[in-house]
Amino acid sequence: MTLRTRHWDRLGNGGLTFTELGFGTAPLGNLYRAISDAEAEAILDQAWEGGVRYFDTAPLYGLGLSETRLNRFLRGKPRDDYVLSTKVGRLLRATTPDKRDGFGKWFDVPSRNEVYDYGYDAVFRSLEFSLERLGVDRVDILYVHDLDIFNHGTQAALDARLAAFMEGGYRALVDLRDQGVIRAFGGGINEWQPCQWLAERGDFDLFLLAGRYTLLEQEALDSFLPLCQARGIGIVVGGPYNSGILATGARDGAFYNYDPAPQAILDKVAAIEAVCAAYDVRLVDAAFQFPLRHPAVVSMIPGGQGVAEMTSNLAAAAAEVPPALWQALKDKGLMRADAPTE
């Protein structure tokens, strides 16, 4: 199977070619439940056979486990055949099993503590550790990870982290790009506002924006996405199903933003679902295809913790959505009128 691709070349150096469907590997880090090495390999094999050639990981995912699982999978595959991104901003420190981080979130993972460090030297150390875990000689993209209120708790705490990053880690990323060690850098962040703050102050290439430009949320159209479009900044959309509800539909127990969905969200999703049904389109297909209508978007990386989910994602990537469906959603006030849908 051949997936559609998008070429990004902001810097005029040949750029990178992304498959519209990428693979976000947090689930390979045993996110919320443990999966075996064999299961992880089966999902990755299916993705590769389906044409996926963009893989995103991070030290955080399974406290190193996601990167080490990619190691075995990528071994022997020609390095120029895929795009690989990982993240900086946390270093992992060995500890005893009872004191490790991530209980209740990461299962059956190495005993490590996360240490936030957005400094200059920490970027080089983080990259070196990631290259060892991944078993590759280079990564294409480094994202600074989780510079958002969701992770740091308050605006004041985030402001301090942003300042530390711009003073140190940002300079390291520029140096790595200038030296040709990486092809591009950006931010992997859960909120569009810090992405915009960074884009206004630095020379960023790409942002991996998690859950903030979806069928349910289009606030980023106000200022952030137009800024990216003007500057040639690419957007990788993570969490296009808003933690699952846009894949499962408005059923009992559906998740939105990592928590059980509130009634207002359930009602809106049910209304979107009804429009999709009228056009004989799966909700998950519309949820996948909608962000791709924006010209800044280069790839979608929904989660997939099983072969069935990967099968669904591959189908969504190949889906054709009639333009009349987007117009119907706009007419019913379920989508912003200015959202690109061509």
C-alpha atoms as a PDB file:
ATOM      1  CA  MET A   1       0.000   0.000   0.000  1.00  0.00           C
ATOM      2  CA  THR A   2       1.220   3.502  -0.786  1.00  0.00           C
ATOM      3  CA  LEU A   3       0.173   6.306   1.527  1.00  0.00           C
ATOM      4  CA  ARG A   4      -0.161   9.863   0.332  1.00  0.00           C
ATOM      5  CA  THR A   5       2.833  12.026   1.222  1.00  0.00           C
ATOM      6  CA  ARG A   6       3.545  15.690   1.872  1.00  0.00           C
ATOM      7  CA  HIS A   7       6.898  17.317   1.220  1.00  0.00           C
ATOM      8  CA  TRP A   8       8.137  20.014   3.580  1.00  0.00           C
ATOM      9  CA  ASP A   9      11.122  22.195   2.699  1.00  0.00           C
ATOM     10  CA  ARG A  10      11.039  25.438   4.645  1.00  0.00           C
ATOM     11  CA  LEU A  11      14.830  25.825   4.603  1.00  0.00           C
ATOM     12  CA  GLY A  12      15.504  24.994   0.969  1.00  0.00           C
ATOM     13  CA  ASN A  13      17.818  22.110   1.922  1.00  0.00           C
ATOM     14  CA  GLY A  14      15.828  19.325   0.333  1.00  0.00           C
ATOM     15  CA  GLY A  15      13.431  19.073   3.241  1.00  0.00           C
ATOM     16  CA  LEU A  16      11.602  15.991   4.449  1.00  0.00           C
ATOM     17  CA  THR A  17       8.830  13.867   2.964  1.00  0.00           C
ATOM     18  CA  PHE A  18       6.166  12.833   5.458  1.00  0.00           C
ATOM     19  CA  THR A  19       3.532  10.174   4.966  1.00  0.00           C
ATOM     20  CA  GLU A  20       0.129  11.709   5.750  1.00  0.00           C
ATOM     21  CA  LEU A  21      -0.260   8.911   8.294  1.00  0.00           C
ATOM     22  CA  GLY A  22       2.613   8.798  10.747  1.00  0.00           C
ATOM     23  CA  PHE A  23       3.117   6.593  13.791  1.00  0.00           C
ATOM     24  CA  GLY A  24       3.036   8.149  17.262  1.00  0.00           C
ATOM     25  CA  THR A  25       4.822   5.622  19.457  1.00  0.00           C
ATOM     26  CA  ALA A  26       3.639   6.553  22.968  1.00  0.00           C
ATOM     27  CA  PRO A  27       1.513   3.348  23.046  1.00  0.00           C
ATOM     28  CA  LEU A  28       4.695   1.322  22.429  1.00  0.00           C
ATOM     29  CA  GLY A  29       5.850   2.618  25.806  1.00  0.00           C
ATOM     30  CA  ASN A  30       3.042   0.635  27.478  1.00  0.00           C
ATOM     31  CA  LEU A  31       0.830   3.675  27.893  1.00  0.00           C
ATOM     32  CA  TYR A  32      -2.091   2.765  30.205  1.00  0.00           C
ATOM     33  CA  ARG A  33      -1.496  -0.968  29.660  1.00  0.00           C
ATOM     34  CA  ALA A  34       1.396  -3.282  28.929  1.00  0.00           C
ATOM     35  CA  ILE A  35       1.782  -4.856  25.520  1.00  0.00           C
ATOM     36  CA  SER A  36       4.334  -7.522  24.695  1.00  0.00           C
ATOM     37  CA  ASP A  37       7.365  -7.047  22.474  1.00  0.00           C
ATOM     38  CA  ALA A  38       5.672  -9.320  19.938  1.00  0.00           C
ATOM     39  CA  GLU A  39       2.515  -7.161  19.916  1.00  0.00           C
ATOM     40  CA  ALA A  40       4.575  -4.010  19.534  1.00  0.00           C
ATOM     41  CA  GLU A  41       6.459  -5.522  16.628  1.00  0.00           C
ATOM     42  CA  ALA A  42       3.246  -6.688  14.948  1.00  0.00           C
ATOM     43  CA  ILE A  43       1.796  -3.154  15.069  1.00  0.00           C
ATOM     44  CA  LEU A  44       5.005  -1.647  13.690  1.00  0.00           C
ATOM     45  CA  ASP A  45       5.217  -4.289  10.940  1.00  0.00           C
ATOM     46  CA  GLN A  46       1.640  -3.579   9.934  1.00  0.00           C
ATOM     47  CA  ALA A  47       2.316   0.158   9.837  1.00  0.00           C
ATOM     48  CA  TRP A  48       5.392  -0.350   7.640  1.00  0.00           C
ATOM     49  CA  GLU A  49       3.574  -2.729   5.295  1.00  0.00           C
ATOM     50  CA  GLY A  50       0.756  -0.169   5.098  1.00  0.00           C
ATOM     51  CA  GLY A  51       3.217   2.459   3.903  1.00  0.00           C
ATOM     52  CA  VAL A  52       3.877   4.462   7.097  1.00  0.00           C
ATOM     53  CA  ARG A  53       7.293   6.116   6.885  1.00  0.00           C
ATOM     54  CA  TYR A  54       7.176   8.718   9.654  1.00  0.00           C
ATOM     55  CA  PHE A  55       7.802   7.588  13.232  1.00  0.00           C
ATOM     56  CA  ASP A  56       7.700   9.876  16.261  1.00  0.00           C
ATOM     57  CA  THR A  57       8.980   8.913  19.691  1.00  0.00           C
ATOM     58  CA  ALA A  58      10.327  10.479  22.909  1.00  0.00           C
ATOM     59  CA  PRO A  59      12.418   9.505  25.935  1.00  0.00           C
ATOM     60  CA  LEU A  60       9.284   9.980  28.061  1.00  0.00           C
ATOM     61  CA  TYR A  61       7.299   7.247  26.306  1.00  0.00           C
ATOM     62  CA  GLY A  62       7.643   4.250  28.575  1.00  0.00           C
ATOM     63  CA  LEU A  63      10.690   5.898  30.198  1.00  0.00           C
ATOM     64  CA  GLY A  64      12.837   4.796  27.278  1.00  0.00           C
ATOM     65  CA  LEU A  65      10.873   1.686  26.264  1.00  0.00           C
ATOM     66  CA  SER A  66       9.345   3.184  23.110  1.00  0.00           C
ATOM     67  CA  GLU A  67      12.761   4.131  21.745  1.00  0.00           C
ATOM     68  CA  THR A  68      14.262   0.716  22.510  1.00  0.00           C
ATOM     69  CA  ARG A  69      11.339  -1.073  20.836  1.00  0.00           C
ATOM     70  CA  LEU A  70      11.867   1.051  17.735  1.00  0.00           C
ATOM     71  CA  ASN A  71      15.533   0.000  17.814  1.00  0.00           C
ATOM     72  CA  ARG A  72      14.785  -3.615  16.952  1.00  0.00           C
ATOM     73  CA  PHE A  73      12.160  -2.691  14.395  1.00  0.00           C
ATOM     74  CA  LEU A  74      14.263  -0.136  12.504  1.00  0.00           C
ATOM     75  CA  ARG A  75      17.407  -2.261  12.473  1.00  0.00           C
ATOM     76  CA  GLY A  76      18.185  -3.255   8.902  1.00  0.00           C
ATOM     77  CA  LYS A  77      15.757  -0.774   7.343  1.00  0.00           C
ATOM     78  CA  PRO A  78      17.483   1.727   5.029  1.00  0.00           C
ATOM     79  CA  ARG A  79      17.852   4.937   7.027  1.00  0.00           C
ATOM     80  CA  ASP A  80      16.837   7.143   4.105  1.00  0.00           C
ATOM     81  CA  ASP A  81      13.506   5.295   3.754  1.00  0.00           C
ATOM     82  CA  TYR A  82      11.820   6.890   6.788  1.00  0.00           C
ATOM     83  CA  VAL A  83      11.576  10.108   8.809  1.00  0.00           C
ATOM     84  CA  LEU A  84      12.302   9.832  12.542  1.00  0.00           C
ATOM     85  CA  SER A  85      11.656  12.364  15.287  1.00  0.00           C
ATOM     86  CA  THR A  86      12.294  12.287  19.004  1.00  0.00           C
ATOM     87  CA  LYS A  87      12.224  14.871  21.766  1.00  0.00           C
ATOM     88  CA  VAL A  88      14.338  16.799  24.262  1.00  0.00           C
ATOM     89  CA  GLY A  89      13.524  18.484  27.562  1.00  0.00           C
ATOM     90  CA  ARG A  90      13.673  15.488  29.895  1.00  0.00           C
ATOM     91  CA  LEU A  91      16.629  13.357  30.886  1.00  0.00           C
ATOM     92  CA  LEU A  92      16.063   9.916  32.391  1.00  0.00           C
ATOM     93  CA  ARG A  93      17.828   8.994  35.621  1.00  0.00           C
ATOM     94  CA  ALA A  94      18.101   5.398  36.875  1.00  0.00           C
ATOM     95  CA  THR A  95      16.344   4.681  40.165  1.00  0.00           C
ATOM     96  CA  THR A  96      14.894   1.758  42.116  1.00  0.00           C
ATOM     97  CA  PRO A  97      11.636   0.159  40.926  1.00  0.00           C
ATOM     98  CA  ASP A  98       9.616   1.570  43.836  1.00  0.00           C
ATOM     99  CA  LYS A  99      10.708   5.146  43.133  1.00  0.00           C
ATOM    100  CA  ARG A 100      10.256   5.279  39.365  1.00  0.00           C
ATOM    101  CA  ASP A 101       7.965   7.813  37.707  1.00  0.00           C
ATOM    102  CA  GLY A 102       4.764   7.120  35.834  1.00  0.00           C
ATOM    103  CA  PHE A 103       2.912   4.631  38.023  1.00  0.00           C
ATOM    104  CA  GLY A 104      -0.626   4.265  36.637  1.00  0.00           C
ATOM    105  CA  LYS A 105       0.432   5.693  33.276  1.00  0.00           C
ATOM    106  CA  TRP A 106       3.356   3.543  32.103  1.00  0.00           C
ATOM    107  CA  PHE A 107       3.303  -0.198  32.803  1.00  0.00           C
ATOM    108  CA  ASP A 108       6.205  -2.673  32.930  1.00  0.00           C
ATOM    109  CA  VAL A 109       8.797  -0.022  32.060  1.00  0.00           C
ATOM    110  CA  PRO A 110      12.402   0.703  33.130  1.00  0.00           C
ATOM    111  CA  SER A 111      12.965   2.176  36.590  1.00  0.00           C
ATOM    112  CA  ARG A 112      13.649   5.785  35.717  1.00  0.00           C
ATOM    113  CA  ASN A 113      12.897   9.268  36.982  1.00  0.00           C
ATOM    114  CA  GLU A 114      12.164  12.114  34.593  1.00  0.00           C
ATOM    115  CA  VAL A 115      14.368  15.165  35.093  1.00  0.00           C
ATOM    116  CA  TYR A 116      13.197  18.289  33.272  1.00  0.00           C
ATOM    117  CA  ASP A 117      16.143  20.091  31.714  1.00  0.00           C
ATOM    118  CA  TYR A 118      15.697  22.556  28.872  1.00  0.00           C
ATOM    119  CA  GLY A 119      19.313  23.753  28.970  1.00  0.00           C
ATOM    120  CA  TYR A 120      21.952  23.856  26.240  1.00  0.00           C
ATOM    121  CA  ASP A 121      24.026  20.863  27.370  1.00  0.00           C
ATOM    122  CA  ALA A 122      20.939  18.796  28.189  1.00  0.00           C
ATOM    123  CA  VAL A 123      19.824  18.858  24.542  1.00  0.00           C
ATOM    124  CA  PHE A 124      23.099  17.246  23.448  1.00  0.00           C
ATOM    125  CA  ARG A 125      22.958  14.680  26.252  1.00  0.00           C
ATOM    126  CA  SER A 126      19.330  13.842  25.487  1.00  0.00           C
ATOM    127  CA  LEU A 127      20.074  13.346  21.788  1.00  0.00           C
ATOM    128  CA  GLU A 128      23.071  11.138  22.578  1.00  0.00           C
ATOM    129  CA  PHE A 129      20.986   8.925  24.891  1.00  0.00           C
ATOM    130  CA  SER A 130      18.179   8.717  22.318  1.00  0.00           C
ATOM    131  CA  LEU A 131      20.563   7.675  19.553  1.00  0.00           C
ATOM    132  CA  GLU A 132      21.823   4.862  21.796  1.00  0.00           C
ATOM    133  CA  ARG A 133      18.309   3.654  22.674  1.00  0.00           C
ATOM    134  CA  LEU A 134      17.163   3.883  19.048  1.00  0.00           C
ATOM    135  CA  GLY A 135      20.292   2.287  17.611  1.00  0.00           C
ATOM    136  CA  VAL A 136      20.401   4.750  14.701  1.00  0.00           C
ATOM    137  CA  ASP A 137      23.083   7.197  13.612  1.00  0.00           C
ATOM    138  CA  ARG A 138      20.771  10.181  13.282  1.00  0.00           C
ATOM    139  CA  VAL A 139      17.289  11.515  13.856  1.00  0.00           C
ATOM    140  CA  ASP A 140      15.679  13.935  11.425  1.00  0.00           C
ATOM    141  CA  ILE A 141      13.719  16.127  13.833  1.00  0.00           C
ATOM    142  CA  LEU A 142      14.090  17.100  17.486  1.00  0.00           C
ATOM    143  CA  TYR A 143      11.057  18.544  19.257  1.00  0.00           C
ATOM    144  CA  VAL A 144      11.310  20.289  22.597  1.00  0.00           C
ATOM    145  CA  HIS A 145       8.776  18.350  24.667  1.00  0.00           C
ATOM    146  CA  ASP A 146       5.839  19.497  26.795  1.00  0.00           C
ATOM    147  CA  LEU A 147       6.443  23.224  27.198  1.00  0.00           C
ATOM    148  CA  ASP A 148       2.839  23.728  28.267  1.00  0.00           C
ATOM    149  CA  ILE A 149       0.667  24.409  31.294  1.00  0.00           C
ATOM    150  CA  PHE A 150      -0.688  20.853  31.078  1.00  0.00           C
ATOM    151  CA  ASN A 151       2.717  19.568  32.233  1.00  0.00           C
ATOM    152  CA  HIS A 152       4.120  22.445  34.288  1.00  0.00           C
ATOM    153  CA  GLY A 153       0.957  23.352  36.185  1.00  0.00           C
ATOM    154  CA  THR A 154       0.869  27.155  36.133  1.00  0.00           C
ATOM    155  CA  GLN A 155       1.592  29.956  33.698  1.00  0.00           C
ATOM    156  CA  ALA A 156       4.389  31.190  35.970  1.00  0.00           C
ATOM    157  CA  ALA A 157       6.087  27.775  35.995  1.00  0.00           C
ATOM    158  CA  LEU A 158       5.706  27.508  32.227  1.00  0.00           C
ATOM    159  CA  ASP A 159       7.127  31.006  31.721  1.00  0.00           C
ATOM    160  CA  ALA A 160      10.239  30.004  33.678  1.00  0.00           C
ATOM    161  CA  ARG A 161      10.676  26.856  31.548  1.00  0.00           C
ATOM    162  CA  LEU A 162      10.162  28.794  28.322  1.00  0.00           C
ATOM    163  CA  ALA A 163      12.796  31.325  29.363  1.00  0.00           C
ATOM    164  CA  ALA A 164      15.257  28.575  30.301  1.00  0.00           C
ATOM    165  CA  PHE A 165      14.684  26.868  26.964  1.00  0.00           C
ATOM    166  CA  MET A 166      15.148  30.002  24.862  1.00  0.00           C
ATOM    167  CA  GLU A 167      18.313  30.806  26.820  1.00  0.00           C
ATOM    168  CA  GLY A 168      19.816  27.327  26.411  1.00  0.00           C
ATOM    169  CA  GLY A 169      18.083  24.481  24.614  1.00  0.00           C
ATOM    170  CA  TYR A 170      16.921  26.627  21.716  1.00  0.00           C
ATOM    171  CA  ARG A 171      20.512  27.649  20.937  1.00  0.00           C
ATOM    172  CA  ALA A 172      21.547  23.993  21.010  1.00  0.00           C
ATOM    173  CA  LEU A 173      18.825  23.053  18.517  1.00  0.00           C
ATOM    174  CA  VAL A 174      19.879  25.864  16.180  1.00  0.00           C
ATOM    175  CA  ASP A 175      23.492  24.671  16.401  1.00  0.00           C
ATOM    176  CA  LEU A 176      22.501  21.065  15.673  1.00  0.00           C
ATOM    177  CA  ARG A 177      20.471  22.151  12.645  1.00  0.00           C
ATOM    178  CA  ASP A 178      23.196  24.493  11.393  1.00  0.00           C
ATOM    179  CA  GLN A 179      25.753  21.683  11.682  1.00  0.00           C
ATOM    180  CA  GLY A 180      23.498  19.301   9.742  1.00  0.00           C
ATOM    181  CA  VAL A 181      23.180  16.879  12.678  1.00  0.00           C
ATOM    182  CA  ILE A 182      19.374  17.226  12.462  1.00  0.00           C
ATOM    183  CA  ARG A 183      17.271  18.375   9.529  1.00  0.00           C
ATOM    184  CA  ALA A 184      14.726  20.349  11.519  1.00  0.00           C
ATOM    185  CA  PHE A 185      13.534  21.204  15.013  1.00  0.00           C
ATOM    186  CA  GLY A 186      10.385  22.358  16.708  1.00  0.00           C
ATOM    187  CA  GLY A 187       8.081  21.718  19.648  1.00  0.00           C
ATOM    188  CA  GLY A 188       5.958  18.744  20.689  1.00  0.00           C
ATOM    189  CA  ILE A 189       3.341  20.518  22.785  1.00  0.00           C
ATOM    190  CA  ASN A 190      -0.235  20.038  24.024  1.00  0.00           C
ATOM    191  CA  GLU A 191      -1.357  23.689  23.639  1.00  0.00           C
ATOM    192  CA  TRP A 192      -1.157  26.054  20.673  1.00  0.00           C
ATOM    193  CA  GLN A 193      -0.485  29.177  22.759  1.00  0.00           C
ATOM    194  CA  PRO A 194       3.084  28.223  23.816  1.00  0.00           C
ATOM    195  CA  CYS A 195       3.742  27.108  20.221  1.00  0.00           C
ATOM    196  CA  GLN A 196       2.802  30.578  19.030  1.00  0.00           C
ATOM    197  CA  TRP A 197       4.942  32.194  21.763  1.00  0.00           C
ATOM    198  CA  LEU A 198       7.930  30.155  20.556  1.00  0.00           C
ATOM    199  CA  ALA A 199       7.262  30.785  16.864  1.00  0.00           C
ATOM    200  CA  GLU A 200       7.181  34.531  17.502  1.00  0.00           C
ATOM    201  CA  ARG A 201      10.591  34.425  19.204  1.00  0.00           C
ATOM    202  CA  GLY A 202      12.592  31.827  17.319  1.00  0.00           C
ATOM    203  CA  ASP A 203      13.280  30.179  13.991  1.00  0.00           C
ATOM    204  CA  PHE A 204      11.185  27.022  14.352  1.00  0.00           C
ATOM    205  CA  ASP A 205      10.542  24.512  11.573  1.00  0.00           C
ATOM    206  CA  LEU A 206       7.747  22.240  12.794  1.00  0.00           C
ATOM    207  CA  PHE A 207       5.314  21.870  15.657  1.00  0.00           C
ATOM    208  CA  LEU A 208       3.778  18.617  16.784  1.00  0.00           C
ATOM    209  CA  LEU A 209       0.498  19.941  18.148  1.00  0.00           C
ATOM    210  CA  ALA A 210      -1.417  17.392  20.218  1.00  0.00           C
ATOM    211  CA  GLY A 211      -5.212  17.529  20.180  1.00  0.00           C
ATOM    212  CA  ARG A 212      -5.595  21.216  19.421  1.00  0.00           C
ATOM    213  CA  TYR A 213      -6.648  21.198  15.775  1.00  0.00           C
ATOM    214  CA  THR A 214      -9.386  18.635  15.365  1.00  0.00           C
ATOM    215  CA  LEU A 215     -13.031  18.278  14.402  1.00  0.00           C
ATOM    216  CA  LEU A 216     -13.786  19.426  17.961  1.00  0.00           C
ATOM    217  CA  GLU A 217     -11.244  22.239  18.364  1.00  0.00           C
ATOM    218  CA  GLN A 218     -10.287  24.913  15.859  1.00  0.00           C
ATOM    219  CA  GLU A 219      -9.224  27.840  18.049  1.00  0.00           C
ATOM    220  CA  ALA A 220      -5.693  27.586  16.613  1.00  0.00           C
ATOM    221  CA  LEU A 221      -7.134  29.120  13.418  1.00  0.00           C
ATOM    222  CA  ASP A 222      -7.322  32.512  15.142  1.00  0.00           C
ATOM    223  CA  SER A 223      -3.619  33.315  15.032  1.00  0.00           C
ATOM    224  CA  PHE A 224      -1.280  30.336  15.369  1.00  0.00           C
ATOM    225  CA  LEU A 225      -2.006  28.424  12.167  1.00  0.00           C
ATOM    226  CA  PRO A 226      -1.980  31.574   9.986  1.00  0.00           C
ATOM    227  CA  LEU A 227       1.440  32.429  11.479  1.00  0.00           C
ATOM    228  CA  CYS A 228       2.718  28.940  10.616  1.00  0.00           C
ATOM    229  CA  GLN A 229       1.368  29.168   7.100  1.00  0.00           C
ATOM    230  CA  ALA A 230       3.047  32.565   6.572  1.00  0.00           C
ATOM    231  CA  ARG A 231       6.413  31.242   7.776  1.00  0.00           C
ATOM    232  CA  GLY A 232       6.359  27.830   6.129  1.00  0.00           C
ATOM    233  CA  ILE A 233       6.236  26.093   9.527  1.00  0.00           C
ATOM    234  CA  GLY A 234       4.893  22.553   9.237  1.00  0.00           C
ATOM    235  CA  ILE A 235       2.314  21.098  11.613  1.00  0.00           C
ATOM    236  CA  VAL A 236       2.207  17.466  12.680  1.00  0.00           C
ATOM    237  CA  VAL A 237      -1.180  16.788  14.264  1.00  0.00           C
ATOM    238  CA  GLY A 238      -1.038  14.488  17.269  1.00  0.00           C
ATOM    239  CA  GLY A 239      -4.166  13.286  19.034  1.00  0.00           C
ATOM    240  CA  PRO A 240      -6.545  13.980  16.129  1.00  0.00           C
ATOM    241  CA  TYR A 241      -9.216  11.920  17.888  1.00  0.00           C
ATOM    242  CA  ASN A 242      -9.022  13.996  21.104  1.00  0.00           C
ATOM    243  CA  SER A 243      -8.003  10.987  23.246  1.00  0.00           C
ATOM    244  CA  GLY A 244     -10.416   8.652  21.518  1.00  0.00           C
ATOM    245  CA  ILE A 245     -13.894  10.146  21.335  1.00  0.00           C
ATOM    246  CA  LEU A 246     -13.569  11.013  17.639  1.00  0.00           C
ATOM    247  CA  ALA A 247     -12.641   7.394  16.961  1.00  0.00           C
ATOM    248  CA  THR A 248     -15.143   5.651  19.231  1.00  0.00           C
ATOM    249  CA  GLY A 249     -18.000   8.105  18.905  1.00  0.00           C
ATOM    250  CA  ALA A 250     -20.178   9.489  21.695  1.00  0.00           C
ATOM    251  CA  ARG A 251     -20.552   6.287  23.695  1.00  0.00           C
ATOM    252  CA  ASP A 252     -20.506   5.729  27.440  1.00  0.00           C
ATOM    253  CA  GLY A 253     -16.983   5.888  28.784  1.00  0.00           C
ATOM    254  CA  ALA A 254     -15.602   7.780  25.780  1.00  0.00           C
ATOM    255  CA  PHE A 255     -12.450   9.764  26.547  1.00  0.00           C
ATOM    256  CA  TYR A 256     -11.741  13.400  25.696  1.00  0.00           C
ATOM    257  CA  ASN A 257      -8.403  15.018  26.630  1.00  0.00           C
ATOM    258  CA  TYR A 258      -7.369  11.998  28.732  1.00  0.00           C
ATOM    259  CA  ASP A 259     -10.538  12.125  30.883  1.00  0.00           C
ATOM    260  CA  PRO A 260     -14.112  10.845  30.554  1.00  0.00           C
ATOM    261  CA  ALA A 261     -15.885  13.137  28.091  1.00  0.00           C
ATOM    262  CA  PRO A 262     -18.240  15.767  29.572  1.00  0.00           C
ATOM    263  CA  GLN A 263     -21.840  15.852  28.389  1.00  0.00           C
ATOM    264  CA  ALA A 264     -21.372  18.915  26.158  1.00  0.00           C
ATOM    265  CA  ILE A 265     -18.610  17.144  24.233  1.00  0.00           C
ATOM    266  CA  LEU A 266     -20.660  13.936  23.993  1.00  0.00           C
ATOM    267  CA  ASP A 267     -23.548  15.950  22.552  1.00  0.00           C
ATOM    268  CA  LYS A 268     -21.374  17.718  19.986  1.00  0.00           C
ATOM    269  CA  VAL A 269     -19.713  14.489  18.871  1.00  0.00           C
ATOM    270  CA  ALA A 270     -23.125  12.823  18.522  1.00  0.00           C
ATOM    271  CA  ALA A 271     -24.230  15.694  16.283  1.00  0.00           C
ATOM    272  CA  ILE A 272     -21.061  15.416  14.152  1.00  0.00           C
ATOM    273  CA  GLU A 273     -21.569  11.657  13.974  1.00  0.00           C
ATOM    274  CA  ALA A 274     -25.092  12.125  12.676  1.00  0.00           C
ATOM    275  CA  VAL A 275     -23.847  14.333   9.830  1.00  0.00           C
ATOM    276  CA  CYS A 276     -21.146  11.789   8.978  1.00  0.00           C
ATOM    277  CA  ALA A 277     -23.723   8.986   8.932  1.00  0.00           C
ATOM    278  CA  ALA A 278     -25.887  10.997   6.527  1.00  0.00           C
ATOM    279  CA  TYR A 279     -22.948  11.007   4.088  1.00  0.00           C
ATOM    280  CA  ASP A 280     -21.991   7.380   4.809  1.00  0.00           C
ATOM    281  CA  VAL A 281     -18.603   8.411   6.230  1.00  0.00           C
ATOM    282  CA  ARG A 282     -17.048   6.952   9.370  1.00  0.00           C
ATOM    283  CA  LEU A 283     -16.555   9.540  12.123  1.00  0.00           C
ATOM    284  CA  VAL A 284     -12.922   8.456  12.458  1.00  0.00           C
ATOM    285  CA  ASP A 285     -12.354   9.026   8.737  1.00  0.00           C
ATOM    286  CA  ALA A 286     -13.685  12.579   8.943  1.00  0.00           C
ATOM    287  CA  ALA A 287     -11.630  13.201  12.099  1.00  0.00           C
ATOM    288  CA  PHE A 288      -8.458  12.066  10.339  1.00  0.00           C
ATOM    289  CA  GLN A 289      -9.062  13.876   7.061  1.00  0.00           C
ATOM    290  CA  PHE A 290     -10.229  17.234   8.450  1.00  0.00           C
ATOM    291  CA  PRO A 291      -6.872  18.590   9.753  1.00  0.00           C
ATOM    292  CA  LEU A 292      -5.170  17.551   6.508  1.00  0.00           C
ATOM    293  CA  ARG A 293      -7.261  20.156   4.704  1.00  0.00           C
ATOM    294  CA  HIS A 294      -5.109  22.864   6.327  1.00  0.00           C
ATOM    295  CA  PRO A 295      -2.106  23.705   4.120  1.00  0.00           C
ATOM    296  CA  ALA A 296       0.341  23.852   7.064  1.00  0.00           C
ATOM    297  CA  VAL A 297      -0.362  20.245   8.127  1.00  0.00           C
ATOM    298  CA  VAL A 298       2.247  17.703   6.970  1.00  0.00           C
ATOM    299  CA  SER A 299       1.282  14.533   8.872  1.00  0.00           C
ATOM    300  CA  MET A 300      -1.211  12.983  11.272  1.00  0.00           C
ATOM    301  CA  ILE A 301      -0.027  10.742  14.094  1.00  0.00           C
ATOM    302  CA  PRO A 302      -2.985   9.127  15.860  1.00  0.00           C
ATOM    303  CA  GLY A 303      -2.185   6.595  18.557  1.00  0.00           C
ATOM    304  CA  GLY A 304      -2.465   2.904  17.868  1.00  0.00           C
ATOM    305  CA  GLN A 305      -1.954   0.300  20.587  1.00  0.00           C
ATOM    306  CA  GLY A 306      -3.210  -2.641  18.618  1.00  0.00           C
ATOM    307  CA  VAL A 307      -3.374  -4.095  15.127  1.00  0.00           C
ATOM    308  CA  ALA A 308      -7.102  -3.253  14.870  1.00  0.00           C
ATOM    309  CA  GLU A 309      -6.421   0.421  15.610  1.00  0.00           C
ATOM    310  CA  MET A 310      -3.626   0.530  13.046  1.00  0.00           C
ATOM    311  CA  THR A 311      -5.948  -1.079  10.478  1.00  0.00           C
ATOM    312  CA  SER A 312      -8.512   1.649  11.210  1.00  0.00           C
ATOM    313  CA  ASN A 313      -5.896   4.395  10.909  1.00  0.00           C
ATOM    314  CA  LEU A 314      -4.703   3.062   7.551  1.00  0.00           C
ATOM    315  CA  ALA A 315      -8.299   3.025   6.311  1.00  0.00           C
ATOM    316  CA  ALA A 316      -8.821   6.581   7.575  1.00  0.00           C
ATOM    317  CA  ALA A 317      -5.695   7.747   5.744  1.00  0.00           C
ATOM    318  CA  ALA A 318      -7.073   6.356   2.470  1.00  0.00           C
ATOM    319  CA  ALA A 319     -10.627   7.624   3.004  1.00  0.00           C
ATOM    320  CA  GLU A 320     -12.306  10.095   0.664  1.00  0.00           C
ATOM    321  CA  VAL A 321     -14.652  12.583   2.334  1.00  0.00           C
ATOM    322  CA  PRO A 322     -17.203  14.412   0.142  1.00  0.00           C
ATOM    323  CA  PRO A 323     -16.870  18.232   0.342  1.00  0.00           C
ATOM    324  CA  ALA A 324     -20.593  18.431   1.072  1.00  0.00           C
ATOM    325  CA  LEU A 325     -19.979  16.825   4.485  1.00  0.00           C
ATOM    326  CA  TRP A 326     -17.679  19.672   5.556  1.00  0.00           C
ATOM    327  CA  GLN A 327     -20.211  22.217   4.343  1.00  0.00           C
ATOM    328  CA  ALA A 328     -22.995  20.482   6.273  1.00  0.00           C
ATOM    329  CA  LEU A 329     -20.920  20.636   9.470  1.00  0.00           C
ATOM    330  CA  LYS A 330     -20.345  24.350   8.906  1.00  0.00           C
ATOM    331  CA  ASP A 331     -24.024  24.982   8.144  1.00  0.00           C
ATOM    332  CA  LYS A 332     -24.995  23.341  11.440  1.00  0.00           C
ATOM    333  CA  GLY A 333     -22.446  25.344  13.410  1.00  0.00           C
ATOM    334  CA  LEU A 334     -20.428  22.225  14.217  1.00  0.00           C
ATOM    335  CA  MET A 335     -17.270  23.513  12.524  1.00  0.00           C
ATOM    336  CA  ARG A 336     -15.788  26.972  12.110  1.00  0.00           C
ATOM    337  CA  ALA A 337     -16.849  28.625   8.880  1.00  0.00           C
ATOM    338  CA  ASP A 338     -13.249  29.662   8.165  1.00  0.00           C
ATOM    339  CA  ALA A 339     -11.765  26.167   8.578  1.00  0.00           C
ATOM    340  CA  PRO A 340     -10.041  25.103   5.327  1.00  0.00           C
ATOM    341  CA  THR A 341     -11.902  22.151   3.792  1.00  0.00           C
ATOM    342  CA  GLU A 342     -10.731  22.134   0.172  1.00  0.00           C
END
